[in-house]
Amino acid sequence: MLNRKYLTICLISGLFALTISCGHSTETTEEVVDVKTPVTIAPVEFKSVESTVDLPAVSTFLNKSIIRATTTGIIEKILINQGDVIETGQLLFSIRTREAMALNNSTGSDSSLSFKGLINITSHNEGVISTISYRKGDFVQEGDELAVVSEQNSLVFILDVPYEMEKYIASNKTCSIVLPDNSRISGNITRKLSEMDMQSQTVRYVIKPSDTHHLPGNLISKVSLVKSSNSKALILPKRAVLGNETQTEFWIMKLINDSTAIKVIVSKGFENNDEVEITDPRLLTSDRIVLTGNYGLPDTAKVMIIKE
């Protein structure tokens, strides 16, 4: 009887334990997802590049000629305006002499005794009319300044060079002048002026442009001086190069296979708005560099190459 009770108790205990264990036997399985960042890649290129600095240059006329009255009288005609481009021998003024005015006043209405007495004033050189000192009908005396002509062939550009950059002048005797409309003319640095600009503390050089045709004075332009050049520079798109907040460290993400990108610390050289020269380490043309999708990628990141 005792054995039967003992067996009944054991059976009930076993069923209870089995029920509890079955209630906790369900296992939760989590699927591990391999997340890959979509990226595009850029090839490594080697090309010739130049590192330049842009400096201001202003056009000016070194020579100006003064048109003077050759007689005393009244200005009868003015055939020019300020800013006009004139040629050598061009008629500028006509002056009625004092003698002609006196004779005409004394003869009255007798036209047979009229004397025109007009003296023509012509230009000695081609250039641009800078100033006109008198108007039609004004009385002038012999030797008075009638106008000032800026001689076109004397136009030069004055280049302001910071003292610490003067060392680049020797290798930039021939330079490119960029005008405000982005057109370019070539020029030659001919000489250095004896005094620096007092306000900006820059050394002033004279540039003779290859073409002065119709260029005005006081035209603000810029001159690009080459600081250094490299015929086989390693170039990457600027978007491929990342940097820290203080811009003291730079890196790229390089693919080691089709799905993994590693972080590579680099040193930069020349750069412009679109490209950056990598001076270290030396990459290969077969290397693949992440172009887009690289921002925030950790080292040994999983990536997926897509086409733009």
C-alpha atoms as a PDB file:
ATOM      1  CA  MET A   1       0.000   0.000   0.000  1.00  0.00           C
ATOM      2  CA  LEU A   2       2.844   2.326   0.928  1.00  0.00           C
ATOM      3  CA  ASN A   3       4.682   1.513  -2.281  1.00  0.00           C
ATOM      4  CA  ARG A   4       1.611   2.359  -4.346  1.00  0.00           C
ATOM      5  CA  LYS A   5       1.278   5.791  -2.655  1.00  0.00           C
ATOM      6  CA  TYR A   6       4.994   6.425  -3.157  1.00  0.00           C
ATOM      7  CA  LEU A   7       4.728   5.580  -6.839  1.00  0.00           C
ATOM      8  CA  THR A   8       1.686   7.829  -7.235  1.00  0.00           C
ATOM      9  CA  ILE A   9       3.528  10.767  -5.639  1.00  0.00           C
ATOM     10  CA  CYS A  10       6.572  10.216  -7.847  1.00  0.00           C
ATOM     11  CA  LEU A  11       4.403  10.053 -10.950  1.00  0.00           C
ATOM     12  CA  ILE A  12       2.616  13.289 -10.074  1.00  0.00           C
ATOM     13  CA  SER A  13       5.948  15.046  -9.331  1.00  0.00           C
ATOM     14  CA  GLY A  14       7.391  13.858 -12.640  1.00  0.00           C
ATOM     15  CA  LEU A  15       4.401  15.091 -14.604  1.00  0.00           C
ATOM     16  CA  PHE A  16       4.578  18.482 -12.848  1.00  0.00           C
ATOM     17  CA  ALA A  17       8.266  18.841 -13.569  1.00  0.00           C
ATOM     18  CA  LEU A  18       7.711  17.838 -17.171  1.00  0.00           C
ATOM     19  CA  THR A  19       4.940  20.417 -17.522  1.00  0.00           C
ATOM     20  CA  ILE A  20       7.150  23.192 -16.144  1.00  0.00           C
ATOM     21  CA  SER A  21      10.088  22.239 -18.349  1.00  0.00           C
ATOM     22  CA  CYS A  22       7.871  22.150 -21.438  1.00  0.00           C
ATOM     23  CA  GLY A  23       6.625  25.646 -20.643  1.00  0.00           C
ATOM     24  CA  HIS A  24      10.215  26.980 -20.878  1.00  0.00           C
ATOM     25  CA  SER A  25      11.470  24.815 -23.701  1.00  0.00           C
ATOM     26  CA  THR A  26      10.637  27.345 -26.461  1.00  0.00           C
ATOM     27  CA  GLU A  27      13.910  28.860 -27.709  1.00  0.00           C
ATOM     28  CA  THR A  28      14.048  32.302 -29.413  1.00  0.00           C
ATOM     29  CA  THR A  29      16.360  32.420 -32.396  1.00  0.00           C
ATOM     30  CA  GLU A  30      17.578  35.801 -33.681  1.00  0.00           C
ATOM     31  CA  GLU A  31      18.690  36.145 -37.316  1.00  0.00           C
ATOM     32  CA  VAL A  32      21.963  38.079 -37.669  1.00  0.00           C
ATOM     33  CA  VAL A  33      21.649  40.651 -40.487  1.00  0.00           C
ATOM     34  CA  ASP A  34      24.835  41.634 -42.311  1.00  0.00           C
ATOM     35  CA  VAL A  35      24.356  45.412 -42.942  1.00  0.00           C
ATOM     36  CA  LYS A  36      26.332  46.856 -45.851  1.00  0.00           C
ATOM     37  CA  THR A  37      26.642  50.526 -46.752  1.00  0.00           C
ATOM     38  CA  PRO A  38      26.083  51.335 -50.438  1.00  0.00           C
ATOM     39  CA  VAL A  39      29.091  53.191 -51.848  1.00  0.00           C
ATOM     40  CA  THR A  40      30.568  54.334 -55.128  1.00  0.00           C
ATOM     41  CA  ILE A  41      34.257  54.165 -55.892  1.00  0.00           C
ATOM     42  CA  ALA A  42      36.823  56.386 -57.565  1.00  0.00           C
ATOM     43  CA  PRO A  43      40.006  55.329 -59.335  1.00  0.00           C
ATOM     44  CA  VAL A  44      43.480  56.591 -58.465  1.00  0.00           C
ATOM     45  CA  GLU A  45      44.902  58.949 -61.112  1.00  0.00           C
ATOM     46  CA  PHE A  46      48.350  60.348 -61.780  1.00  0.00           C
ATOM     47  CA  LYS A  47      48.489  63.695 -63.580  1.00  0.00           C
ATOM     48  CA  SER A  48      50.437  66.915 -63.879  1.00  0.00           C
ATOM     49  CA  VAL A  49      49.348  69.591 -61.387  1.00  0.00           C
ATOM     50  CA  GLU A  50      50.458  73.043 -60.317  1.00  0.00           C
ATOM     51  CA  SER A  51      50.035  74.741 -56.970  1.00  0.00           C
ATOM     52  CA  THR A  52      49.290  78.426 -57.580  1.00  0.00           C
ATOM     53  CA  VAL A  53      48.542  81.591 -55.649  1.00  0.00           C
ATOM     54  CA  ASP A  54      46.351  84.405 -57.017  1.00  0.00           C
ATOM     55  CA  LEU A  55      47.536  87.966 -56.412  1.00  0.00           C
ATOM     56  CA  PRO A  56      45.856  91.281 -57.330  1.00  0.00           C
ATOM     57  CA  ALA A  57      47.072  93.391 -60.244  1.00  0.00           C
ATOM     58  CA  VAL A  58      45.755  96.784 -61.415  1.00  0.00           C
ATOM     59  CA  SER A  59      46.199  98.282 -64.866  1.00  0.00           C
ATOM     60  CA  THR A  60      47.723 101.738 -65.214  1.00  0.00           C
ATOM     61  CA  PHE A  61      49.235 103.950 -67.897  1.00  0.00           C
ATOM     62  CA  LEU A  62      52.901 104.744 -67.370  1.00  0.00           C
ATOM     63  CA  ASN A  63      52.962 107.514 -69.993  1.00  0.00           C
ATOM     64  CA  LYS A  64      50.476 110.324 -70.401  1.00  0.00           C
ATOM     65  CA  SER A  65      50.748 113.120 -72.947  1.00  0.00           C
ATOM     66  CA  ILE A  66      49.250 116.581 -72.476  1.00  0.00           C
ATOM     67  CA  ILE A  67      47.437 118.272 -75.356  1.00  0.00           C
ATOM     68  CA  ARG A  68      48.104 122.033 -75.117  1.00  0.00           C
ATOM     69  CA  ALA A  69      46.716 125.040 -76.931  1.00  0.00           C
ATOM     70  CA  THR A  70      49.119 126.333 -79.584  1.00  0.00           C
ATOM     71  CA  THR A  71      47.479 129.754 -79.761  1.00  0.00           C
ATOM     72  CA  THR A  72      45.303 132.135 -77.786  1.00  0.00           C
ATOM     73  CA  GLY A  73      41.643 132.213 -78.699  1.00  0.00           C
ATOM     74  CA  ILE A  74      38.199 130.655 -78.351  1.00  0.00           C
ATOM     75  CA  ILE A  75      37.584 126.914 -78.589  1.00  0.00           C
ATOM     76  CA  GLU A  76      35.479 126.534 -81.710  1.00  0.00           C
ATOM     77  CA  LYS A  77      35.159 122.706 -81.792  1.00  0.00           C
ATOM     78  CA  ILE A  78      35.779 119.794 -79.449  1.00  0.00           C
ATOM     79  CA  LEU A  79      35.788 116.552 -81.417  1.00  0.00           C
ATOM     80  CA  ILE A  80      36.469 114.104 -78.574  1.00  0.00           C
ATOM     81  CA  ASN A  81      34.877 112.864 -75.362  1.00  0.00           C
ATOM     82  CA  GLN A  82      36.438 111.541 -72.207  1.00  0.00           C
ATOM     83  CA  GLY A  83      37.211 107.833 -72.610  1.00  0.00           C
ATOM     84  CA  ASP A  84      37.520 107.954 -76.405  1.00  0.00           C
ATOM     85  CA  VAL A  85      40.261 105.884 -78.017  1.00  0.00           C
ATOM     86  CA  ILE A  86      42.175 108.095 -80.441  1.00  0.00           C
ATOM     87  CA  GLU A  87      44.721 107.499 -83.185  1.00  0.00           C
ATOM     88  CA  THR A  88      47.927 109.356 -83.989  1.00  0.00           C
ATOM     89  CA  GLY A  89      47.214 112.560 -85.938  1.00  0.00           C
ATOM     90  CA  GLN A  90      43.499 112.582 -85.098  1.00  0.00           C
ATOM     91  CA  LEU A  91      41.822 116.035 -84.961  1.00  0.00           C
ATOM     92  CA  LEU A  92      40.908 116.917 -81.361  1.00  0.00           C
ATOM     93  CA  PHE A  93      40.223 120.657 -81.077  1.00  0.00           C
ATOM     94  CA  SER A  94      39.757 123.722 -83.303  1.00  0.00           C
ATOM     95  CA  ILE A  95      40.614 127.144 -81.857  1.00  0.00           C
ATOM     96  CA  ARG A  96      39.655 130.496 -83.424  1.00  0.00           C
ATOM     97  CA  THR A  97      42.584 132.804 -82.887  1.00  0.00           C
ATOM     98  CA  ARG A  98      42.393 136.116 -81.067  1.00  0.00           C
ATOM     99  CA  GLU A  99      43.441 137.932 -84.239  1.00  0.00           C
ATOM    100  CA  ALA A 100      40.612 136.339 -86.206  1.00  0.00           C
ATOM    101  CA  MET A 101      38.078 137.353 -83.587  1.00  0.00           C
ATOM    102  CA  ALA A 102      39.397 140.947 -83.571  1.00  0.00           C
ATOM    103  CA  LEU A 103      39.370 141.181 -87.378  1.00  0.00           C
ATOM    104  CA  ASN A 104      35.847 139.813 -87.678  1.00  0.00           C
ATOM    105  CA  ASN A 105      34.595 142.221 -85.035  1.00  0.00           C
ATOM    106  CA  SER A 106      36.183 145.202 -86.827  1.00  0.00           C
ATOM    107  CA  THR A 107      34.821 144.320 -90.311  1.00  0.00           C
ATOM    108  CA  GLY A 108      31.273 143.959 -89.041  1.00  0.00           C
ATOM    109  CA  SER A 109      28.935 142.538 -91.690  1.00  0.00           C
ATOM    110  CA  ASP A 110      31.409 142.756 -94.578  1.00  0.00           C
ATOM    111  CA  SER A 111      31.788 139.035 -95.381  1.00  0.00           C
ATOM    112  CA  SER A 112      34.481 139.714 -97.997  1.00  0.00           C
ATOM    113  CA  LEU A 113      36.904 140.639 -95.244  1.00  0.00           C
ATOM    114  CA  SER A 114      36.053 137.771 -92.883  1.00  0.00           C
ATOM    115  CA  PHE A 115      38.986 135.706 -91.661  1.00  0.00           C
ATOM    116  CA  LYS A 116      38.379 132.292 -90.126  1.00  0.00           C
ATOM    117  CA  GLY A 117      41.721 131.954 -88.345  1.00  0.00           C
ATOM    118  CA  LEU A 118      41.083 128.373 -87.147  1.00  0.00           C
ATOM    119  CA  ILE A 119      43.977 126.435 -85.652  1.00  0.00           C
ATOM    120  CA  ASN A 120      43.571 122.645 -85.511  1.00  0.00           C
ATOM    121  CA  ILE A 121      44.990 120.653 -82.577  1.00  0.00           C
ATOM    122  CA  THR A 122      45.801 116.998 -83.359  1.00  0.00           C
ATOM    123  CA  SER A 123      47.043 114.075 -81.260  1.00  0.00           C
ATOM    124  CA  HIS A 124      50.687 113.068 -81.153  1.00  0.00           C
ATOM    125  CA  ASN A 125      50.140 109.452 -80.059  1.00  0.00           C
ATOM    126  CA  GLU A 126      47.373 106.859 -79.926  1.00  0.00           C
ATOM    127  CA  GLY A 127      45.727 106.423 -76.575  1.00  0.00           C
ATOM    128  CA  VAL A 128      42.691 107.105 -74.428  1.00  0.00           C
ATOM    129  CA  ILE A 129      41.331 110.530 -73.497  1.00  0.00           C
ATOM    130  CA  SER A 130      41.663 110.710 -69.716  1.00  0.00           C
ATOM    131  CA  THR A 131      40.529 114.274 -69.076  1.00  0.00           C
ATOM    132  CA  ILE A 132      39.205 117.285 -71.009  1.00  0.00           C
ATOM    133  CA  SER A 133      39.823 120.628 -69.313  1.00  0.00           C
ATOM    134  CA  TYR A 134      37.648 123.027 -71.348  1.00  0.00           C
ATOM    135  CA  ARG A 135      34.305 123.241 -73.104  1.00  0.00           C
ATOM    136  CA  LYS A 136      33.290 124.701 -76.431  1.00  0.00           C
ATOM    137  CA  GLY A 137      33.346 128.524 -76.363  1.00  0.00           C
ATOM    138  CA  ASP A 138      35.897 128.764 -73.555  1.00  0.00           C
ATOM    139  CA  PHE A 139      38.758 131.224 -73.909  1.00  0.00           C
ATOM    140  CA  VAL A 140      42.225 129.650 -73.715  1.00  0.00           C
ATOM    141  CA  GLN A 141      45.719 131.012 -73.824  1.00  0.00           C
ATOM    142  CA  GLU A 142      48.685 129.565 -75.631  1.00  0.00           C
ATOM    143  CA  GLY A 143      50.141 126.689 -73.612  1.00  0.00           C
ATOM    144  CA  ASP A 144      46.971 125.894 -71.632  1.00  0.00           C
ATOM    145  CA  GLU A 145      46.261 122.198 -71.005  1.00  0.00           C
ATOM    146  CA  LEU A 146      43.324 121.151 -73.142  1.00  0.00           C
ATOM    147  CA  ALA A 147      43.278 117.389 -72.513  1.00  0.00           C
ATOM    148  CA  VAL A 148      45.343 114.488 -71.200  1.00  0.00           C
ATOM    149  CA  VAL A 149      45.904 111.363 -73.321  1.00  0.00           C
ATOM    150  CA  SER A 150      46.909 108.082 -71.701  1.00  0.00           C
ATOM    151  CA  GLU A 151      49.181 106.355 -74.192  1.00  0.00           C
ATOM    152  CA  GLN A 152      47.701 102.929 -74.923  1.00  0.00           C
ATOM    153  CA  ASN A 153      51.038 101.217 -75.587  1.00  0.00           C
ATOM    154  CA  SER A 154      52.272 102.252 -72.122  1.00  0.00           C
ATOM    155  CA  LEU A 155      49.565 100.303 -70.294  1.00  0.00           C
ATOM    156  CA  VAL A 156      50.952  97.865 -67.719  1.00  0.00           C
ATOM    157  CA  PHE A 157      49.672  95.950 -64.706  1.00  0.00           C
ATOM    158  CA  ILE A 158      51.081  96.655 -61.252  1.00  0.00           C
ATOM    159  CA  LEU A 159      51.317  93.391 -59.299  1.00  0.00           C
ATOM    160  CA  ASP A 160      51.326  93.491 -55.485  1.00  0.00           C
ATOM    161  CA  VAL A 161      53.366  90.609 -54.072  1.00  0.00           C
ATOM    162  CA  PRO A 162      53.603  89.881 -50.322  1.00  0.00           C
ATOM    163  CA  TYR A 163      57.236  90.044 -49.259  1.00  0.00           C
ATOM    164  CA  GLU A 164      57.331  86.370 -48.245  1.00  0.00           C
ATOM    165  CA  MET A 165      56.144  85.337 -51.735  1.00  0.00           C
ATOM    166  CA  GLU A 166      58.734  87.349 -53.634  1.00  0.00           C
ATOM    167  CA  LYS A 167      60.776  84.164 -54.059  1.00  0.00           C
ATOM    168  CA  TYR A 168      58.228  82.894 -56.598  1.00  0.00           C
ATOM    169  CA  ILE A 169      58.814  85.778 -59.031  1.00  0.00           C
ATOM    170  CA  ALA A 170      62.022  84.291 -60.487  1.00  0.00           C
ATOM    171  CA  SER A 171      60.132  81.244 -61.820  1.00  0.00           C
ATOM    172  CA  ASN A 172      57.125  83.257 -63.024  1.00  0.00           C
ATOM    173  CA  LYS A 173      58.615  85.823 -65.397  1.00  0.00           C
ATOM    174  CA  THR A 174      55.917  84.778 -67.848  1.00  0.00           C
ATOM    175  CA  CYS A 175      52.498  84.794 -66.218  1.00  0.00           C
ATOM    176  CA  SER A 176      48.775  84.734 -66.962  1.00  0.00           C
ATOM    177  CA  ILE A 177      46.575  87.780 -66.260  1.00  0.00           C
ATOM    178  CA  VAL A 178      42.935  86.927 -65.508  1.00  0.00           C
ATOM    179  CA  LEU A 179      40.591  89.804 -66.383  1.00  0.00           C
ATOM    180  CA  PRO A 180      37.256  90.410 -64.584  1.00  0.00           C
ATOM    181  CA  ASP A 181      35.343  88.639 -67.379  1.00  0.00           C
ATOM    182  CA  ASN A 182      37.571  85.544 -66.810  1.00  0.00           C
ATOM    183  CA  SER A 183      39.374  86.031 -70.110  1.00  0.00           C
ATOM    184  CA  ARG A 184      43.136  85.622 -69.976  1.00  0.00           C
ATOM    185  CA  ILE A 185      46.074  87.401 -71.523  1.00  0.00           C
ATOM    186  CA  SER A 186      49.722  86.537 -71.122  1.00  0.00           C
ATOM    187  CA  GLY A 187      52.211  88.953 -69.624  1.00  0.00           C
ATOM    188  CA  ASN A 188      55.867  89.347 -68.734  1.00  0.00           C
ATOM    189  CA  ILE A 189      57.109  90.590 -65.374  1.00  0.00           C
ATOM    190  CA  THR A 190      59.625  93.203 -66.493  1.00  0.00           C
ATOM    191  CA  ARG A 191      60.894  94.921 -63.347  1.00  0.00           C
ATOM    192  CA  LYS A 192      60.395  95.680 -59.672  1.00  0.00           C
ATOM    193  CA  LEU A 193      59.483  99.142 -58.463  1.00  0.00           C
ATOM    194  CA  SER A 194      61.846 100.751 -55.979  1.00  0.00           C
ATOM    195  CA  GLU A 195      59.329 101.196 -53.155  1.00  0.00           C
ATOM    196  CA  MET A 196      56.810  98.916 -51.474  1.00  0.00           C
ATOM    197  CA  ASP A 197      53.171  99.805 -51.027  1.00  0.00           C
ATOM    198  CA  MET A 198      53.090 101.410 -47.576  1.00  0.00           C
ATOM    199  CA  GLN A 199      49.590 100.292 -46.572  1.00  0.00           C
ATOM    200  CA  SER A 200      49.628  96.667 -47.746  1.00  0.00           C
ATOM    201  CA  GLN A 201      53.406  96.226 -47.332  1.00  0.00           C
ATOM    202  CA  THR A 202      53.703  94.425 -50.648  1.00  0.00           C
ATOM    203  CA  VAL A 203      56.459  94.506 -53.244  1.00  0.00           C
ATOM    204  CA  ARG A 204      55.274  95.999 -56.541  1.00  0.00           C
ATOM    205  CA  TYR A 205      56.179  94.524 -59.921  1.00  0.00           C
ATOM    206  CA  VAL A 206      55.451  95.796 -63.427  1.00  0.00           C
ATOM    207  CA  ILE A 207      53.796  93.350 -65.847  1.00  0.00           C
ATOM    208  CA  LYS A 208      53.739  94.140 -69.552  1.00  0.00           C
ATOM    209  CA  PRO A 209      50.673  92.463 -71.123  1.00  0.00           C
ATOM    210  CA  SER A 210      50.900  90.906 -74.575  1.00  0.00           C
ATOM    211  CA  ASP A 211      47.767  92.767 -75.709  1.00  0.00           C
ATOM    212  CA  THR A 212      46.776  96.246 -74.522  1.00  0.00           C
ATOM    213  CA  HIS A 213      44.064  96.827 -77.123  1.00  0.00           C
ATOM    214  CA  HIS A 214      41.303  98.947 -75.559  1.00  0.00           C
ATOM    215  CA  LEU A 215      42.154  97.930 -71.978  1.00  0.00           C
ATOM    216  CA  PRO A 216      41.263 100.749 -69.557  1.00  0.00           C
ATOM    217  CA  GLY A 217      43.256 102.016 -66.613  1.00  0.00           C
ATOM    218  CA  ASN A 218      42.449 100.957 -63.024  1.00  0.00           C
ATOM    219  CA  LEU A 219      41.209  97.543 -64.197  1.00  0.00           C
ATOM    220  CA  ILE A 220      41.449  95.184 -61.217  1.00  0.00           C
ATOM    221  CA  SER A 221      42.611  91.737 -62.325  1.00  0.00           C
ATOM    222  CA  LYS A 222      44.520  88.847 -60.819  1.00  0.00           C
ATOM    223  CA  VAL A 223      47.731  87.043 -61.659  1.00  0.00           C
ATOM    224  CA  SER A 224      48.337  83.367 -60.899  1.00  0.00           C
ATOM    225  CA  LEU A 225      51.864  82.606 -59.719  1.00  0.00           C
ATOM    226  CA  VAL A 226      53.013  78.973 -59.747  1.00  0.00           C
ATOM    227  CA  LYS A 227      54.407  77.955 -56.343  1.00  0.00           C
ATOM    228  CA  SER A 228      55.203  74.343 -57.201  1.00  0.00           C
ATOM    229  CA  SER A 229      54.457  71.729 -59.850  1.00  0.00           C
ATOM    230  CA  ASN A 230      54.404  67.950 -60.060  1.00  0.00           C
ATOM    231  CA  SER A 231      54.269  66.126 -63.373  1.00  0.00           C
ATOM    232  CA  LYS A 232      53.150  62.834 -61.759  1.00  0.00           C
ATOM    233  CA  ALA A 233      50.941  63.791 -58.851  1.00  0.00           C
ATOM    234  CA  LEU A 234      48.629  61.237 -57.237  1.00  0.00           C
ATOM    235  CA  ILE A 235      45.175  62.769 -57.501  1.00  0.00           C
ATOM    236  CA  LEU A 236      41.854  61.858 -55.884  1.00  0.00           C
ATOM    237  CA  PRO A 237      38.468  63.593 -56.046  1.00  0.00           C
ATOM    238  CA  LYS A 238      38.045  65.950 -53.099  1.00  0.00           C
ATOM    239  CA  ARG A 239      34.910  64.083 -51.968  1.00  0.00           C
ATOM    240  CA  ALA A 240      36.993  60.954 -51.369  1.00  0.00           C
ATOM    241  CA  VAL A 241      39.152  62.607 -48.688  1.00  0.00           C
ATOM    242  CA  LEU A 242      37.701  62.986 -45.182  1.00  0.00           C
ATOM    243  CA  GLY A 243      39.023  64.963 -42.219  1.00  0.00           C
ATOM    244  CA  ASN A 244      38.455  65.583 -38.533  1.00  0.00           C
ATOM    245  CA  GLU A 245      36.782  68.704 -37.164  1.00  0.00           C
ATOM    246  CA  THR A 246      40.066  70.567 -36.686  1.00  0.00           C
ATOM    247  CA  GLN A 247      41.331  69.559 -40.142  1.00  0.00           C
ATOM    248  CA  THR A 248      44.527  68.163 -38.625  1.00  0.00           C
ATOM    249  CA  GLU A 249      44.057  64.563 -39.753  1.00  0.00           C
ATOM    250  CA  PHE A 250      42.823  63.241 -43.082  1.00  0.00           C
ATOM    251  CA  TRP A 251      41.941  59.789 -44.339  1.00  0.00           C
ATOM    252  CA  ILE A 252      40.379  57.798 -47.143  1.00  0.00           C
ATOM    253  CA  MET A 253      38.395  54.554 -47.200  1.00  0.00           C
ATOM    254  CA  LYS A 254      40.108  51.980 -49.417  1.00  0.00           C
ATOM    255  CA  LEU A 255      38.544  48.715 -50.542  1.00  0.00           C
ATOM    256  CA  ILE A 256      40.535  45.579 -49.729  1.00  0.00           C
ATOM    257  CA  ASN A 257      37.914  43.410 -51.428  1.00  0.00           C
ATOM    258  CA  ASP A 258      34.462  43.840 -52.918  1.00  0.00           C
ATOM    259  CA  SER A 259      32.754  44.191 -49.529  1.00  0.00           C
ATOM    260  CA  THR A 260      35.256  45.633 -47.014  1.00  0.00           C
ATOM    261  CA  ALA A 261      36.692  49.152 -46.733  1.00  0.00           C
ATOM    262  CA  ILE A 262      39.534  50.102 -44.411  1.00  0.00           C
ATOM    263  CA  LYS A 263      40.573  53.508 -43.101  1.00  0.00           C
ATOM    264  CA  VAL A 264      43.897  54.815 -44.447  1.00  0.00           C
ATOM    265  CA  ILE A 265      45.504  57.975 -43.010  1.00  0.00           C
ATOM    266  CA  VAL A 266      46.816  60.255 -45.779  1.00  0.00           C
ATOM    267  CA  SER A 267      48.819  63.462 -46.203  1.00  0.00           C
ATOM    268  CA  LYS A 268      47.563  66.125 -48.601  1.00  0.00           C
ATOM    269  CA  GLY A 269      49.467  68.344 -51.003  1.00  0.00           C
ATOM    270  CA  PHE A 270      47.974  70.508 -53.729  1.00  0.00           C
ATOM    271  CA  GLU A 271      44.188  70.894 -53.763  1.00  0.00           C
ATOM    272  CA  ASN A 272      41.526  72.898 -55.563  1.00  0.00           C
ATOM    273  CA  ASN A 273      37.735  72.876 -55.570  1.00  0.00           C
ATOM    274  CA  ASP A 274      37.534  69.398 -57.129  1.00  0.00           C
ATOM    275  CA  GLU A 275      40.797  67.497 -56.587  1.00  0.00           C
ATOM    276  CA  VAL A 276      43.348  66.708 -53.890  1.00  0.00           C
ATOM    277  CA  GLU A 277      46.934  65.546 -54.254  1.00  0.00           C
ATOM    278  CA  ILE A 278      47.875  62.648 -51.949  1.00  0.00           C
ATOM    279  CA  THR A 279      51.549  62.781 -50.992  1.00  0.00           C
ATOM    280  CA  ASP A 280      51.518  59.808 -48.602  1.00  0.00           C
ATOM    281  CA  PRO A 281      50.996  56.864 -48.736  1.00  0.00           C
ATOM    282  CA  ARG A 282      51.780  55.935 -52.313  1.00  0.00           C
ATOM    283  CA  LEU A 283      48.673  54.364 -53.802  1.00  0.00           C
ATOM    284  CA  LEU A 284      48.404  52.188 -56.894  1.00  0.00           C
ATOM    285  CA  THR A 285      46.274  52.788 -59.950  1.00  0.00           C
ATOM    286  CA  SER A 286      44.558  49.488 -59.177  1.00  0.00           C
ATOM    287  CA  ASP A 287      43.403  50.718 -55.749  1.00  0.00           C
ATOM    288  CA  ARG A 288      39.715  51.462 -55.331  1.00  0.00           C
ATOM    289  CA  ILE A 289      38.793  54.399 -53.118  1.00  0.00           C
ATOM    290  CA  VAL A 290      35.307  55.033 -51.715  1.00  0.00           C
ATOM    291  CA  LEU A 291      33.905  58.204 -53.282  1.00  0.00           C
ATOM    292  CA  THR A 292      30.355  58.486 -51.899  1.00  0.00           C
ATOM    293  CA  GLY A 293      28.873  56.830 -48.836  1.00  0.00           C
ATOM    294  CA  ASN A 294      32.203  57.166 -47.012  1.00  0.00           C
ATOM    295  CA  TYR A 295      31.096  59.689 -44.393  1.00  0.00           C
ATOM    296  CA  GLY A 296      30.978  58.121 -40.928  1.00  0.00           C
ATOM    297  CA  LEU A 297      32.244  54.714 -42.061  1.00  0.00           C
ATOM    298  CA  PRO A 298      34.292  52.891 -39.395  1.00  0.00           C
ATOM    299  CA  ASP A 299      37.494  51.020 -40.088  1.00  0.00           C
ATOM    300  CA  THR A 300      36.898  47.650 -41.823  1.00  0.00           C
ATOM    301  CA  ALA A 301      33.341  48.670 -42.720  1.00  0.00           C
ATOM    302  CA  LYS A 302      31.103  46.406 -44.731  1.00  0.00           C
ATOM    303  CA  VAL A 303      30.137  48.036 -48.010  1.00  0.00           C
ATOM    304  CA  MET A 304      28.233  47.296 -51.189  1.00  0.00           C
ATOM    305  CA  ILE A 305      29.463  48.807 -54.448  1.00  0.00           C
ATOM    306  CA  ILE A 306      26.808  50.495 -56.550  1.00  0.00           C
ATOM    307  CA  LYS A 307      26.997  52.386 -59.804  1.00  0.00           C
ATOM    308  CA  GLU A 308      26.098  56.046 -60.075  1.00  0.00           C
END
